[in-house]
Structure formats: C-alpha cells, structure tokens
PDB file of N, CA and C in Angstrom:
ATOM      1  N   MET A   1       0.849  -1.177   0.000  1.00  0.00           N
ATOM      2  CA  MET A   1       0.000   0.000   0.000  1.00  0.00           C
ATOM      3  C   MET A   1       0.887   1.229   0.000  1.00  0.00           C
ATOM      4  N   PHE A   2       0.606   2.153  -0.874  1.00  0.00           N
ATOM      5  CA  PHE A   2       1.304   3.434  -0.973  1.00  0.00           C
ATOM      6  C   PHE A   2       0.299   4.510  -0.632  1.00  0.00           C
ATOM      7  N   ASP A   3       0.655   5.421   0.266  1.00  0.00           N
ATOM      8  CA  ASP A   3      -0.236   6.518   0.634  1.00  0.00           C
ATOM      9  C   ASP A   3       0.541   7.818   0.531  1.00  0.00           C
ATOM     10  N   GLY A   4       0.296   8.571  -0.535  1.00  0.00           N
ATOM     11  CA  GLY A   4       0.995   9.825  -0.762  1.00  0.00           C
ATOM     12  C   GLY A   4       0.533  10.952   0.132  1.00  0.00           C
ATOM     13  N   ASP A   5      -0.569  10.777   0.853  1.00  0.00           N
ATOM     14  CA  ASP A   5      -1.115  11.833   1.698  1.00  0.00           C
ATOM     15  C   ASP A   5      -0.791  11.664   3.177  1.00  0.00           C
ATOM     16  N   ALA A   6      -0.011  10.668   3.538  1.00  0.00           N
ATOM     17  CA  ALA A   6       0.278  10.431   4.949  1.00  0.00           C
ATOM     18  C   ALA A   6       1.084  11.608   5.505  1.00  0.00           C
ATOM     19  N   VAL A   7       0.520  12.320   6.451  1.00  0.00           N
ATOM     20  CA  VAL A   7       1.145  13.517   7.012  1.00  0.00           C
ATOM     21  C   VAL A   7       2.354  13.119   7.852  1.00  0.00           C
ATOM     22  N   GLY A   8       3.505  13.722   7.541  1.00  0.00           N
ATOM     23  CA  GLY A   8       4.707  13.462   8.318  1.00  0.00           C
ATOM     24  C   GLY A   8       5.345  12.113   8.071  1.00  0.00           C
ATOM     25  N   VAL A   9       4.877  11.394   7.075  1.00  0.00           N
ATOM     26  CA  VAL A   9       5.409  10.064   6.784  1.00  0.00           C
ATOM     27  C   VAL A   9       5.993  10.070   5.382  1.00  0.00           C
ATOM     28  N   GLU A  10       7.202   9.566   5.246  1.00  0.00           N
ATOM     29  CA  GLU A  10       7.829   9.449   3.931  1.00  0.00           C
ATOM     30  C   GLU A  10       7.109   8.347   3.150  1.00  0.00           C
ATOM     31  N   PRO A  11       6.596   8.647   1.956  1.00  0.00           N
ATOM     32  CA  PRO A  11       5.890   7.613   1.190  1.00  0.00           C
ATOM     33  C   PRO A  11       6.790   6.421   0.899  1.00  0.00           C
ATOM     34  N   ARG A  12       6.217   5.229   0.968  1.00  0.00           N
ATOM     35  CA  ARG A  12       6.942   4.008   0.637  1.00  0.00           C
ATOM     36  C   ARG A  12       6.725   3.706  -0.831  1.00  0.00           C
ATOM     37  N   THR A  13       7.805   3.470  -1.548  1.00  0.00           N
ATOM     38  CA  THR A  13       7.667   3.131  -2.961  1.00  0.00           C
ATOM     39  C   THR A  13       8.157   1.725  -3.261  1.00  0.00           C
ATOM     40  N   ALA A  14       8.742   1.033  -2.297  1.00  0.00           N
ATOM     41  CA  ALA A  14       9.146  -0.354  -2.488  1.00  0.00           C
ATOM     42  C   ALA A  14       8.409  -1.207  -1.464  1.00  0.00           C
ATOM     43  N   LEU A  15       7.688  -2.174  -1.932  1.00  0.00           N
ATOM     44  CA  LEU A  15       6.894  -3.029  -1.065  1.00  0.00           C
ATOM     45  C   LEU A  15       7.398  -4.459  -1.180  1.00  0.00           C
ATOM     46  N   ASN A  16       7.639  -5.114  -0.059  1.00  0.00           N
ATOM     47  CA  ASN A  16       8.074  -6.501  -0.084  1.00  0.00           C
ATOM     48  C   ASN A  16       6.882  -7.418   0.109  1.00  0.00           C
ATOM     49  N   VAL A  17       6.737  -8.362  -0.785  1.00  0.00           N
ATOM     50  CA  VAL A  17       5.682  -9.357  -0.672  1.00  0.00           C
ATOM     51  C   VAL A  17       6.106 -10.368   0.385  1.00  0.00           C
ATOM     52  N   ALA A  18       5.225 -10.679   1.323  1.00  0.00           N
ATOM     53  CA  ALA A  18       5.575 -11.546   2.438  1.00  0.00           C
ATOM     54  C   ALA A  18       5.850 -12.984   1.994  1.00  0.00           C
ATOM     55  N   ALA A  19       5.097 -13.484   1.042  1.00  0.00           N
ATOM     56  CA  ALA A  19       5.252 -14.866   0.607  1.00  0.00           C
ATOM     57  C   ALA A  19       6.314 -14.973  -0.474  1.00  0.00           C
ATOM     58  N   SER A  20       6.943 -16.130  -0.537  1.00  0.00           N
ATOM     59  CA  SER A  20       7.926 -16.386  -1.582  1.00  0.00           C
ATOM     60  C   SER A  20       7.233 -16.872  -2.841  1.00  0.00           C
ATOM     61  N   ALA A  21       7.848 -16.589  -3.966  1.00  0.00           N
ATOM     62  CA  ALA A  21       7.397 -17.151  -5.239  1.00  0.00           C
ATOM     63  C   ALA A  21       8.164 -18.448  -5.449  1.00  0.00           C
ATOM     64  N   VAL A  22       7.496 -19.468  -5.948  1.00  0.00           N
ATOM     65  CA  VAL A  22       8.134 -20.765  -6.142  1.00  0.00           C
ATOM     66  C   VAL A  22       8.221 -21.124  -7.617  1.00  0.00           C
ATOM     67  N   ARG A  23       9.200 -21.920  -7.939  1.00  0.00           N
ATOM     68  CA  ARG A  23       9.444 -22.371  -9.304  1.00  0.00           C
ATOM     69  C   ARG A  23       8.254 -23.171  -9.829  1.00  0.00           C
ATOM     70  N   GLU A  24       7.987 -23.053 -11.112  1.00  0.00           N
ATOM     71  CA  GLU A  24       6.938 -23.781 -11.828  1.00  0.00           C
ATOM     72  C   GLU A  24       5.525 -23.370 -11.419  1.00  0.00           C
ATOM     73  N   GLN A  25       5.383 -22.244 -10.753  1.00  0.00           N
ATOM     74  CA  GLN A  25       4.072 -21.688 -10.424  1.00  0.00           C
ATOM     75  C   GLN A  25       3.929 -20.382 -11.182  1.00  0.00           C
ATOM     76  N   GLU A  26       2.776 -20.165 -11.790  1.00  0.00           N
ATOM     77  CA  GLU A  26       2.519 -18.896 -12.468  1.00  0.00           C
ATOM     78  C   GLU A  26       1.868 -17.938 -11.479  1.00  0.00           C
ATOM     79  N   TYR A  27       2.248 -16.646 -11.582  1.00  0.00           N
ATOM     80  CA  TYR A  27       1.737 -15.623 -10.673  1.00  0.00           C
ATOM     81  C   TYR A  27       1.014 -14.520 -11.434  1.00  0.00           C
ATOM     82  N   THR A  28       0.093 -13.871 -10.719  1.00  0.00           N
ATOM     83  CA  THR A  28      -0.674 -12.735 -11.228  1.00  0.00           C
ATOM     84  C   THR A  28      -0.438 -11.551 -10.301  1.00  0.00           C
ATOM     85  N   LEU A  29      -0.242 -10.376 -10.888  1.00  0.00           N
ATOM     86  CA  LEU A  29      -0.115  -9.138 -10.117  1.00  0.00           C
ATOM     87  C   LEU A  29      -1.360  -8.303 -10.366  1.00  0.00           C
ATOM     88  N   ASP A  30      -2.163  -8.093  -9.318  1.00  0.00           N
ATOM     89  CA  ASP A  30      -3.334  -7.215  -9.379  1.00  0.00           C
ATOM     90  C   ASP A  30      -2.956  -5.902  -8.702  1.00  0.00           C
ATOM     91  N   PHE A  31      -3.426  -4.784  -9.263  1.00  0.00           N
ATOM     92  CA  PHE A  31      -3.074  -3.488  -8.686  1.00  0.00           C
ATOM     93  C   PHE A  31      -4.123  -2.445  -9.051  1.00  0.00           C
ATOM     94  N   ASP A  32      -4.129  -1.363  -8.279  1.00  0.00           N
ATOM     95  CA  ASP A  32      -5.016  -0.231  -8.542  1.00  0.00           C
ATOM     96  C   ASP A  32      -4.421   0.995  -7.862  1.00  0.00           C
ATOM     97  N   CYS A  33      -4.881   2.176  -8.279  1.00  0.00           N
ATOM     98  CA  CYS A  33      -4.383   3.417  -7.699  1.00  0.00           C
ATOM     99  C   CYS A  33      -5.410   4.531  -7.897  1.00  0.00           C
ATOM    100  N   ILE A  34      -5.259   5.598  -7.097  1.00  0.00           N
ATOM    101  CA  ILE A  34      -6.083   6.798  -7.230  1.00  0.00           C
ATOM    102  C   ILE A  34      -5.182   8.012  -7.068  1.00  0.00           C
ATOM    103  N   PRO A  35      -5.550   9.166  -7.581  1.00  0.00           N
ATOM    104  CA  PRO A  35      -6.763   9.472  -8.339  1.00  0.00           C
ATOM    105  C   PRO A  35      -6.716   8.835  -9.725  1.00  0.00           C
ATOM    106  N   ARG A  36      -7.855   8.795 -10.361  1.00  0.00           N
ATOM    107  CA  ARG A  36      -8.011   8.079 -11.622  1.00  0.00           C
ATOM    108  C   ARG A  36      -7.227   8.685 -12.780  1.00  0.00           C
ATOM    109  N   ASP A  37      -6.771   9.940 -12.674  1.00  0.00           N
ATOM    110  CA  ASP A  37      -5.999  10.542 -13.766  1.00  0.00           C
ATOM    111  C   ASP A  37      -4.486  10.421 -13.553  1.00  0.00           C
ATOM    112  N   ALA A  38      -4.064   9.693 -12.523  1.00  0.00           N
ATOM    113  CA  ALA A  38      -2.642   9.489 -12.241  1.00  0.00           C
ATOM    114  C   ALA A  38      -2.103   8.297 -13.038  1.00  0.00           C
ATOM    115  N   THR A  39      -0.785   8.110 -12.980  1.00  0.00           N
ATOM    116  CA  THR A  39      -0.116   7.004 -13.666  1.00  0.00           C
ATOM    117  C   THR A  39       0.822   6.306 -12.692  1.00  0.00           C
ATOM    118  N   ILE A  40       0.925   4.978 -12.820  1.00  0.00           N
ATOM    119  CA  ILE A  40       1.814   4.196 -11.961  1.00  0.00           C
ATOM    120  C   ILE A  40       2.637   3.237 -12.818  1.00  0.00           C
ATOM    121  N   THR A  41       3.877   3.025 -12.412  1.00  0.00           N
ATOM    122  CA  THR A  41       4.731   1.997 -13.007  1.00  0.00           C
ATOM    123  C   THR A  41       5.115   1.038 -11.894  1.00  0.00           C
ATOM    124  N   LEU A  42       4.855  -0.251 -12.104  1.00  0.00           N
ATOM    125  CA  LEU A  42       5.225  -1.281 -11.140  1.00  0.00           C
ATOM    126  C   LEU A  42       6.264  -2.192 -11.768  1.00  0.00           C
ATOM    127  N   SER A  43       7.307  -2.517 -10.998  1.00  0.00           N
ATOM    128  CA  SER A  43       8.357  -3.422 -11.459  1.00  0.00           C
ATOM    129  C   SER A  43       8.568  -4.506 -10.412  1.00  0.00           C
ATOM    130  N   LEU A  44       8.795  -5.730 -10.872  1.00  0.00           N
ATOM    131  CA  LEU A  44       9.075  -6.853  -9.982  1.00  0.00           C
ATOM    132  C   LEU A  44      10.555  -7.195 -10.064  1.00  0.00           C
ATOM    133  N   SER A  45      11.154  -7.504  -8.915  1.00  0.00           N
ATOM    134  CA  SER A  45      12.554  -7.921  -8.873  1.00  0.00           C
ATOM    135  C   SER A  45      12.749  -8.817  -7.654  1.00  0.00           C
ATOM    136  N   PRO A  46      13.867  -9.568  -7.610  1.00  0.00           N
ATOM    137  CA  PRO A  46      14.143 -10.338  -6.398  1.00  0.00           C
ATOM    138  C   PRO A  46      14.287  -9.386  -5.212  1.00  0.00           C
ATOM    139  N   ALA A  47      13.801  -9.792  -4.057  1.00  0.00           N
ATOM    140  CA  ALA A  47      13.930  -8.974  -2.851  1.00  0.00           C
ATOM    141  C   ALA A  47      15.404  -8.833  -2.479  1.00  0.00           C
ATOM    142  N   ALA A  48      15.709  -7.834  -1.682  1.00  0.00           N
ATOM    143  CA  ALA A  48      17.093  -7.596  -1.248  1.00  0.00           C
ATOM    144  C   ALA A  48      17.679  -8.863  -0.640  1.00  0.00           C
ATOM    145  N   GLY A  49      18.887  -9.217  -1.086  1.00  0.00           N
ATOM    146  CA  GLY A  49      19.564 -10.399  -0.571  1.00  0.00           C
ATOM    147  C   GLY A  49      19.136 -11.701  -1.211  1.00  0.00           C
ATOM    148  N   GLU A  50      18.243 -11.635  -2.200  1.00  0.00           N
ATOM    149  CA  GLU A  50      17.701 -12.842  -2.832  1.00  0.00           C
ATOM    150  C   GLU A  50      18.301 -13.112  -4.207  1.00  0.00           C
ATOM    151  N   ASP A  51      19.451 -12.507  -4.523  1.00  0.00           N
ATOM    152  CA  ASP A  51      19.999 -12.659  -5.872  1.00  0.00           C
ATOM    153  C   ASP A  51      21.162 -13.646  -5.962  1.00  0.00           C
ATOM    154  N   ASP A  52      21.414 -14.424  -4.913  1.00  0.00           N
ATOM    155  CA  ASP A  52      22.475 -15.422  -4.950  1.00  0.00           C
ATOM    156  C   ASP A  52      21.941 -16.733  -4.401  1.00  0.00           C
ATOM    157  N   PRO A  53      21.821 -17.769  -5.221  1.00  0.00           N
ATOM    158  CA  PRO A  53      22.221 -17.823  -6.628  1.00  0.00           C
ATOM    159  C   PRO A  53      21.289 -16.972  -7.490  1.00  0.00           C
ATOM    160  N   PRO A  54      21.756 -16.635  -8.697  1.00  0.00           N
ATOM    161  CA  PRO A  54      20.949 -15.791  -9.586  1.00  0.00           C
ATOM    162  C   PRO A  54      19.559 -16.379  -9.829  1.00  0.00           C
ATOM    163  N   VAL A  55      18.598 -15.494  -9.996  1.00  0.00           N
ATOM    164  CA  VAL A  55      17.218 -15.903 -10.263  1.00  0.00           C
ATOM    165  C   VAL A  55      16.724 -15.133 -11.482  1.00  0.00           C
ATOM    166  N   THR A  56      15.892 -15.786 -12.279  1.00  0.00           N
ATOM    167  CA  THR A  56      15.308 -15.147 -13.452  1.00  0.00           C
ATOM    168  C   THR A  56      13.811 -15.009 -13.249  1.00  0.00           C
ATOM    169  N   LEU A  57      13.297 -13.789 -13.398  1.00  0.00           N
ATOM    170  CA  LEU A  57      11.861 -13.551 -13.415  1.00  0.00           C
ATOM    171  C   LEU A  57      11.447 -13.462 -14.871  1.00  0.00           C
ATOM    172  N   LYS A  58      10.412 -14.213 -15.253  1.00  0.00           N
ATOM    173  CA  LYS A  58       9.948 -14.220 -16.638  1.00  0.00           C
ATOM    174  C   LYS A  58       8.523 -13.702 -16.701  1.00  0.00           C
ATOM    175  N   GLY A  59       8.168 -13.225 -17.878  1.00  0.00           N
ATOM    176  CA  GLY A  59       6.834 -12.679 -18.084  1.00  0.00           C
ATOM    177  C   GLY A  59       6.887 -11.170 -18.017  1.00  0.00           C
ATOM    178  N   PRO A  60       5.726 -10.543 -17.964  1.00  0.00           N
ATOM    179  CA  PRO A  60       5.678  -9.075 -17.896  1.00  0.00           C
ATOM    180  C   PRO A  60       6.034  -8.615 -16.483  1.00  0.00           C
ATOM    181  N   ILE A  61       7.288  -8.214 -16.270  1.00  0.00           N
ATOM    182  CA  ILE A  61       7.716  -7.844 -14.918  1.00  0.00           C
ATOM    183  C   ILE A  61       7.747  -6.336 -14.695  1.00  0.00           C
ATOM    184  N   THR A  62       7.387  -5.555 -15.713  1.00  0.00           N
ATOM    185  CA  THR A  62       7.235  -4.104 -15.571  1.00  0.00           C
ATOM    186  C   THR A  62       5.982  -3.681 -16.315  1.00  0.00           C
ATOM    187  N   VAL A  63       5.174  -2.845 -15.682  1.00  0.00           N
ATOM    188  CA  VAL A  63       3.956  -2.348 -16.315  1.00  0.00           C
ATOM    189  C   VAL A  63       3.770  -0.880 -15.945  1.00  0.00           C
ATOM    190  N   THR A  64       3.385  -0.075 -16.923  1.00  0.00           N
ATOM    191  CA  THR A  64       3.006   1.322 -16.693  1.00  0.00           C
ATOM    192  C   THR A  64       1.566   1.474 -17.139  1.00  0.00           C
ATOM    193  N   GLN A  65       0.739   2.037 -16.270  1.00  0.00           N
ATOM    194  CA  GLN A  65      -0.686   2.135 -16.579  1.00  0.00           C
ATOM    195  C   GLN A  65      -1.284   3.346 -15.888  1.00  0.00           C
ATOM    196  N   GLY A  66      -2.271   3.924 -16.525  1.00  0.00           N
ATOM    197  CA  GLY A  66      -3.065   4.959 -15.891  1.00  0.00           C
ATOM    198  C   GLY A  66      -3.933   4.345 -14.811  1.00  0.00           C
ATOM    199  N   CYS A  67      -4.353   5.158 -13.868  1.00  0.00           N
ATOM    200  CA  CYS A  67      -5.156   4.676 -12.744  1.00  0.00           C
ATOM    201  C   CYS A  67      -6.651   4.679 -13.051  1.00  0.00           C
ATOM    202  N   GLY A  68      -7.029   4.807 -14.317  1.00  0.00           N
ATOM    203  CA  GLY A  68      -8.432   4.857 -14.701  1.00  0.00           C
ATOM    204  C   GLY A  68      -9.212   3.599 -14.388  1.00  0.00           C
ATOM    205  N   ALA A  69      -8.521   2.465 -14.244  1.00  0.00           N
ATOM    206  CA  ALA A  69      -9.170   1.186 -13.941  1.00  0.00           C
ATOM    207  C   ALA A  69      -8.143   0.286 -13.263  1.00  0.00           C
ATOM    208  N   PRO A  70      -8.604  -0.703 -12.478  1.00  0.00           N
ATOM    209  CA  PRO A  70      -7.660  -1.649 -11.878  1.00  0.00           C
ATOM    210  C   PRO A  70      -6.847  -2.355 -12.964  1.00  0.00           C
ATOM    211  N   GLY A  71      -5.627  -2.762 -12.618  1.00  0.00           N
ATOM    212  CA  GLY A  71      -4.761  -3.442 -13.572  1.00  0.00           C
ATOM    213  C   GLY A  71      -4.456  -4.862 -13.148  1.00  0.00           C
ATOM    214  N   ARG A  72      -4.044  -5.671 -14.122  1.00  0.00           N
ATOM    215  CA  ARG A  72      -3.670  -7.060 -13.860  1.00  0.00           C
ATOM    216  C   ARG A  72      -2.642  -7.482 -14.891  1.00  0.00           C
ATOM    217  N   ILE A  73      -1.564  -8.117 -14.423  1.00  0.00           N
ATOM    218  CA  ILE A  73      -0.646  -8.775 -15.344  1.00  0.00           C
ATOM    219  C   ILE A  73      -0.521 -10.231 -14.919  1.00  0.00           C
ATOM    220  N   THR A  74      -0.448 -11.104 -15.902  1.00  0.00           N
ATOM    221  CA  THR A  74      -0.392 -12.540 -15.649  1.00  0.00           C
ATOM    222  C   THR A  74       0.825 -13.134 -16.343  1.00  0.00           C
ATOM    223  N   GLY A  75       1.090 -14.398 -16.067  1.00  0.00           N
ATOM    224  CA  GLY A  75       2.177 -15.101 -16.734  1.00  0.00           C
ATOM    225  C   GLY A  75       3.541 -14.856 -16.127  1.00  0.00           C
ATOM    226  N   ILE A  76       3.593 -14.452 -14.868  1.00  0.00           N
ATOM    227  CA  ILE A  76       4.862 -14.201 -14.187  1.00  0.00           C
ATOM    228  C   ILE A  76       5.357 -15.518 -13.589  1.00  0.00           C
ATOM    229  N   THR A  77       6.615 -15.885 -13.863  1.00  0.00           N
ATOM    230  CA  THR A  77       7.220 -17.085 -13.284  1.00  0.00           C
ATOM    231  C   THR A  77       8.628 -16.758 -12.799  1.00  0.00           C
ATOM    232  N   VAL A  78       9.166 -17.627 -11.945  1.00  0.00           N
ATOM    233  CA  VAL A  78      10.526 -17.467 -11.426  1.00  0.00           C
ATOM    234  C   VAL A  78      11.304 -18.760 -11.644  1.00  0.00           C
ATOM    235  N   SER A  79      12.641 -18.642 -11.738  1.00  0.00           N
ATOM    236  CA  SER A  79      13.477 -19.814 -12.000  1.00  0.00           C
ATOM    237  C   SER A  79      13.800 -20.614 -10.741  1.00  0.00           C
ATOM    238  N   ARG A  80      13.570 -20.034  -9.574  1.00  0.00           N
ATOM    239  CA  ARG A  80      13.756 -20.739  -8.298  1.00  0.00           C
ATOM    240  C   ARG A  80      12.938 -20.014  -7.235  1.00  0.00           C
ATOM    241  N   MET A  81      12.772 -20.652  -6.070  1.00  0.00           N
ATOM    242  CA  MET A  81      12.032 -20.025  -4.978  1.00  0.00           C
ATOM    243  C   MET A  81      12.741 -18.736  -4.561  1.00  0.00           C
ATOM    244  N   VAL A  82      11.976 -17.646  -4.438  1.00  0.00           N
ATOM    245  CA  VAL A  82      12.579 -16.346  -4.162  1.00  0.00           C
ATOM    246  C   VAL A  82      11.548 -15.394  -3.563  1.00  0.00           C
ATOM    247  N   GLY A  83      11.999 -14.491  -2.714  1.00  0.00           N
ATOM    248  CA  GLY A  83      11.153 -13.392  -2.262  1.00  0.00           C
ATOM    249  C   GLY A  83      11.092 -12.344  -3.362  1.00  0.00           C
ATOM    250  N   ILE A  84       9.940 -11.728  -3.535  1.00  0.00           N
ATOM    251  CA  ILE A  84       9.742 -10.759  -4.615  1.00  0.00           C
ATOM    252  C   ILE A  84       9.515  -9.372  -4.026  1.00  0.00           C
ATOM    253  N   GLN A  85      10.147  -8.380  -4.624  1.00  0.00           N
ATOM    254  CA  GLN A  85       9.921  -6.978  -4.263  1.00  0.00           C
ATOM    255  C   GLN A  85       9.144  -6.306  -5.385  1.00  0.00           C
ATOM    256  N   ILE A  86       8.129  -5.547  -5.016  1.00  0.00           N
ATOM    257  CA  ILE A  86       7.356  -4.750  -5.970  1.00  0.00           C
ATOM    258  C   ILE A  86       7.773  -3.300  -5.768  1.00  0.00           C
ATOM    259  N   THR A  87       8.287  -2.669  -6.817  1.00  0.00           N
ATOM    260  CA  THR A  87       8.693  -1.270  -6.754  1.00  0.00           C
ATOM    261  C   THR A  87       7.695  -0.435  -7.541  1.00  0.00           C
ATOM    262  N   ALA A  88       7.212   0.636  -6.926  1.00  0.00           N
ATOM    263  CA  ALA A  88       6.239   1.518  -7.573  1.00  0.00           C
ATOM    264  C   ALA A  88       6.877   2.868  -7.852  1.00  0.00           C
ATOM    265  N   VAL A  89       6.721   3.350  -9.082  1.00  0.00           N
ATOM    266  CA  VAL A  89       7.090   4.710  -9.453  1.00  0.00           C
ATOM    267  C   VAL A  89       5.784   5.400  -9.797  1.00  0.00           C
ATOM    268  N   THR A  90       5.485   6.481  -9.103  1.00  0.00           N
ATOM    269  CA  THR A  90       4.166   7.088  -9.240  1.00  0.00           C
ATOM    270  C   THR A  90       4.250   8.492  -9.813  1.00  0.00           C
ATOM    271  N   ASP A  91       3.223   8.858 -10.555  1.00  0.00           N
ATOM    272  CA  ASP A  91       3.093  10.206 -11.105  1.00  0.00           C
ATOM    273  C   ASP A  91       1.708  10.719 -10.741  1.00  0.00           C
ATOM    274  N   GLY A  92       1.632  11.469  -9.643  1.00  0.00           N
ATOM    275  CA  GLY A  92       0.360  12.016  -9.202  1.00  0.00           C
ATOM    276  C   GLY A  92      -0.499  11.049  -8.415  1.00  0.00           C
ATOM    277  N   VAL A  93       0.050   9.911  -7.988  1.00  0.00           N
ATOM    278  CA  VAL A  93      -0.717   8.899  -7.253  1.00  0.00           C
ATOM    279  C   VAL A  93      -0.810   9.290  -5.784  1.00  0.00           C
ATOM    280  N   ASP A  94      -2.030   9.244  -5.227  1.00  0.00           N
ATOM    281  CA  ASP A  94      -2.235   9.466  -3.801  1.00  0.00           C
ATOM    282  C   ASP A  94      -2.209   8.157  -3.032  1.00  0.00           C
ATOM    283  N   GLN A  95      -2.836   7.114  -3.587  1.00  0.00           N
ATOM    284  CA  GLN A  95      -2.859   5.799  -2.957  1.00  0.00           C
ATOM    285  C   GLN A  95      -2.764   4.731  -4.030  1.00  0.00           C
ATOM    286  N   ALA A  96      -2.097   3.622  -3.674  1.00  0.00           N
ATOM    287  CA  ALA A  96      -1.989   2.494  -4.591  1.00  0.00           C
ATOM    288  C   ALA A  96      -1.852   1.213  -3.788  1.00  0.00           C
ATOM    289  N   TRP A  97      -2.254   0.108  -4.389  1.00  0.00           N
ATOM    290  CA  TRP A  97      -2.025  -1.200  -3.786  1.00  0.00           C
ATOM    291  C   TRP A  97      -1.654  -2.178  -4.891  1.00  0.00           C
ATOM    292  N   ALA A  98      -0.937  -3.215  -4.508  1.00  0.00           N
ATOM    293  CA  ALA A  98      -0.562  -4.273  -5.441  1.00  0.00           C
ATOM    294  C   ALA A  98      -0.480  -5.580  -4.669  1.00  0.00           C
ATOM    295  N   VAL A  99      -0.964  -6.653  -5.297  1.00  0.00           N
ATOM    296  CA  VAL A  99      -0.940  -7.982  -4.690  1.00  0.00           C
ATOM    297  C   VAL A  99      -0.396  -8.967  -5.712  1.00  0.00           C
ATOM    298  N   LEU A 100       0.668  -9.682  -5.347  1.00  0.00           N
ATOM    299  CA  LEU A 100       1.201 -10.764  -6.169  1.00  0.00           C
ATOM    300  C   LEU A 100       0.669 -12.063  -5.596  1.00  0.00           C
ATOM    301  N   ARG A 101      -0.015 -12.846  -6.435  1.00  0.00           N
ATOM    302  CA  ARG A 101      -0.626 -14.091  -5.944  1.00  0.00           C
ATOM    303  C   ARG A 101      -0.450 -15.192  -6.976  1.00  0.00           C
ATOM    304  N   ALA A 102      -0.504 -16.416  -6.496  1.00  0.00           N
ATOM    305  CA  ALA A 102      -0.438 -17.564  -7.395  1.00  0.00           C
ATOM    306  C   ALA A 102      -1.676 -17.565  -8.282  1.00  0.00           C
ATOM    307  N   THR A 103      -1.461 -17.774  -9.571  1.00  0.00           N
ATOM    308  CA  THR A 103      -2.570 -17.840 -10.522  1.00  0.00           C
ATOM    309  C   THR A 103      -3.286 -19.165 -10.325  1.00  0.00           C
ATOM    310  N   ASP A 104      -4.624 -19.118 -10.269  1.00  0.00           N
ATOM    311  CA  ASP A 104      -5.372 -20.373 -10.154  1.00  0.00           C
ATOM    312  C   ASP A 104      -6.132 -20.645 -11.446  1.00  0.00           C
ATOM    313  N   ALA A 105      -6.792 -21.771 -11.510  1.00  0.00           N
ATOM    314  CA  ALA A 105      -7.454 -22.220 -12.735  1.00  0.00           C
ATOM    315  C   ALA A 105      -8.583 -21.304 -13.179  1.00  0.00           C
ATOM    316  N   THR A 106      -9.129 -20.473 -12.278  1.00  0.00           N
ATOM    317  CA  THR A 106     -10.259 -19.612 -12.638  1.00  0.00           C
ATOM    318  C   THR A 106      -9.816 -18.278 -13.222  1.00  0.00           C
ATOM    319  N   ASP A 107      -8.510 -17.985 -13.219  1.00  0.00           N
ATOM    320  CA  ASP A 107      -8.018 -16.693 -13.742  1.00  0.00           C
ATOM    321  C   ASP A 107      -8.049 -16.628 -15.235  1.00  0.00           C
TER     322      ASP A 107
END
C-alpha cells in the first residue's frame, strides 16, 4: 500500500511481498491506484539479498498504466524459490495497492 497523503510520513515506494514465489508456479499481479488521472509503473525484482544464486523472473515484470481502472498482469514465473519486491514509481498517485498471488485455474 502506498499513501501519498500520509502527514509526516515518507511515502513508501518499495513493497516486499511476504510470501515467496516458487518455481513452476505462475503468478498474477493485481493493482489499482487513485486518483483516476494518475499514472503508476510497477516493477518486480528479487527482494534484497535474494539474488544469490541468480534468479530469473519471466513474463511481464514491468507495467506502466493509468489509474483509470484496476490493472492485472499474468504469466509471471521465477526460475527458483525467491522473495519478490514490488517497486512503484508514481506520477500524481495518492494511494496504490498491489498484490502478487499464485494464478489459479479460474483466472
């Protein structure tokens, strides 16, 4: 969660996903932001300290989208079990959220 209006608080632009991503599992990133005329860029990368041994993230690992509607990217996979960091670059965003989850058969 990113909150650009938090008084006296430095906005957080890097969010660590609590769960690890595992090999041979496909993941989906759901996200949204406000106000609706703002723009957000989200990038996925291995969490700090998770790059040894090297890991490959495949699929759409960077997305830039207007906040006019919720966003979703699918087809994200990793070459080994790893913690994932979601980095947000915002342009006029007051609030944003992003959730990385395992893709299920209904997606």
